[in-house]
């Protein structure tokens, strides 16, 4: 699944993305850490792994999901 970064807090490493259908989905620190990233910017395209309506991994769209 892919989306676009809507918000990102560098201190807490949490934020939210807009999915391609326009819905918003939040991600937590664990999902951010699982993707191996150091930061995100507003408007970046990202790949998402989702389980049970929860983002478990977020990484850049050019990176494969772990």
C-alpha atoms as a PDB file:
ATOM      1  CA  UNK A   1       0.000   0.000   0.000  1.00  0.00           C
ATOM      2  CA  UNK A   2       1.203   3.542  -0.626  1.00  0.00           C
ATOM      3  CA  UNK A   3       0.394   6.943   0.780  1.00  0.00           C
ATOM      4  CA  UNK A   4       1.656  10.495   1.195  1.00  0.00           C
ATOM      5  CA  UNK A   5       3.048  11.930   4.437  1.00  0.00           C
ATOM      6  CA  UNK A   6       0.579  14.385   5.949  1.00  0.00           C
ATOM      7  CA  UNK A   7       2.375  14.988   9.261  1.00  0.00           C
ATOM      8  CA  UNK A   8       5.536  13.833  10.999  1.00  0.00           C
ATOM      9  CA  UNK A   9       6.916  14.681  14.463  1.00  0.00           C
ATOM     10  CA  UNK A  10      10.686  14.110  14.579  1.00  0.00           C
ATOM     11  CA  UNK A  11      10.770  14.066  18.388  1.00  0.00           C
ATOM     12  CA  UNK A  12       8.212  11.281  18.832  1.00  0.00           C
ATOM     13  CA  UNK A  13       8.807   9.667  15.392  1.00  0.00           C
ATOM     14  CA  UNK A  14       5.034   9.484  14.845  1.00  0.00           C
ATOM     15  CA  UNK A  15       2.737  10.979  12.257  1.00  0.00           C
ATOM     16  CA  UNK A  16       0.052  10.330   9.703  1.00  0.00           C
ATOM     17  CA  UNK A  17      -0.308   9.588   6.012  1.00  0.00           C
ATOM     18  CA  UNK A  18      -3.015  10.187   3.448  1.00  0.00           C
ATOM     19  CA  UNK A  19      -3.879   7.025   1.574  1.00  0.00           C
ATOM     20  CA  UNK A  20      -4.642   7.143  -2.129  1.00  0.00           C
ATOM     21  CA  UNK A  21      -8.381   6.947  -1.374  1.00  0.00           C
ATOM     22  CA  UNK A  22      -8.112  10.179   0.671  1.00  0.00           C
ATOM     23  CA  UNK A  23      -8.422   8.583   4.106  1.00  0.00           C
ATOM     24  CA  UNK A  24      -5.936   9.421   6.846  1.00  0.00           C
ATOM     25  CA  UNK A  25      -4.038   6.801   8.838  1.00  0.00           C
ATOM     26  CA  UNK A  26      -1.703   7.380  11.795  1.00  0.00           C
ATOM     27  CA  UNK A  27       1.584   5.566  12.389  1.00  0.00           C
ATOM     28  CA  UNK A  28       3.433   5.053  15.654  1.00  0.00           C
ATOM     29  CA  UNK A  29       7.097   4.958  16.650  1.00  0.00           C
ATOM     30  CA  UNK A  30       7.337   1.185  16.156  1.00  0.00           C
ATOM     31  CA  UNK A  31       6.139   1.451  12.535  1.00  0.00           C
ATOM     32  CA  UNK A  32       8.592   4.258  11.814  1.00  0.00           C
ATOM     33  CA  UNK A  33      11.528   2.397  13.407  1.00  0.00           C
ATOM     34  CA  UNK A  34      10.670  -0.791  11.480  1.00  0.00           C
ATOM     35  CA  UNK A  35      11.200   1.051   8.176  1.00  0.00           C
ATOM     36  CA  UNK A  36      14.791   2.049   8.933  1.00  0.00           C
ATOM     37  CA  UNK A  37      14.281   5.745   8.185  1.00  0.00           C
ATOM     38  CA  UNK A  38      15.778   8.758   9.946  1.00  0.00           C
ATOM     39  CA  UNK A  39      13.112  11.337   9.001  1.00  0.00           C
ATOM     40  CA  UNK A  40      10.152  12.064   6.771  1.00  0.00           C
ATOM     41  CA  UNK A  41       8.989  15.224   5.023  1.00  0.00           C
ATOM     42  CA  UNK A  42       5.499  16.504   4.327  1.00  0.00           C
ATOM     43  CA  UNK A  43       4.358  15.273   0.912  1.00  0.00           C
ATOM     44  CA  UNK A  44       6.775  12.342   0.604  1.00  0.00           C
ATOM     45  CA  UNK A  45       5.412   9.177  -0.995  1.00  0.00           C
ATOM     46  CA  UNK A  46       5.787   6.152   1.258  1.00  0.00           C
ATOM     47  CA  UNK A  47       5.238   2.393   1.213  1.00  0.00           C
ATOM     48  CA  UNK A  48       3.141   1.006   4.047  1.00  0.00           C
ATOM     49  CA  UNK A  49       2.674  -2.427   5.527  1.00  0.00           C
ATOM     50  CA  UNK A  50      -0.734  -2.625   7.216  1.00  0.00           C
ATOM     51  CA  UNK A  51      -2.085  -5.324   9.513  1.00  0.00           C
ATOM     52  CA  UNK A  52      -5.472  -5.160  11.240  1.00  0.00           C
ATOM     53  CA  UNK A  53      -6.017  -1.521  10.168  1.00  0.00           C
ATOM     54  CA  UNK A  54      -2.693  -0.491  11.733  1.00  0.00           C
ATOM     55  CA  UNK A  55       0.488   0.626   9.954  1.00  0.00           C
ATOM     56  CA  UNK A  56       3.275  -1.749  10.994  1.00  0.00           C
ATOM     57  CA  UNK A  57       6.032  -0.469   8.672  1.00  0.00           C
ATOM     58  CA  UNK A  58       6.520   2.836   6.875  1.00  0.00           C
ATOM     59  CA  UNK A  59       9.371   3.427   4.441  1.00  0.00           C
ATOM     60  CA  UNK A  60      10.112   5.431   1.302  1.00  0.00           C
ATOM     61  CA  UNK A  61       8.335   4.389  -1.884  1.00  0.00           C
ATOM     62  CA  UNK A  62      11.715   3.637  -3.492  1.00  0.00           C
ATOM     63  CA  UNK A  63      12.674   1.190  -0.710  1.00  0.00           C
ATOM     64  CA  UNK A  64      11.322  -2.361  -0.437  1.00  0.00           C
ATOM     65  CA  UNK A  65       9.274  -3.275   2.602  1.00  0.00           C
ATOM     66  CA  UNK A  66      11.278  -5.395   5.066  1.00  0.00           C
END
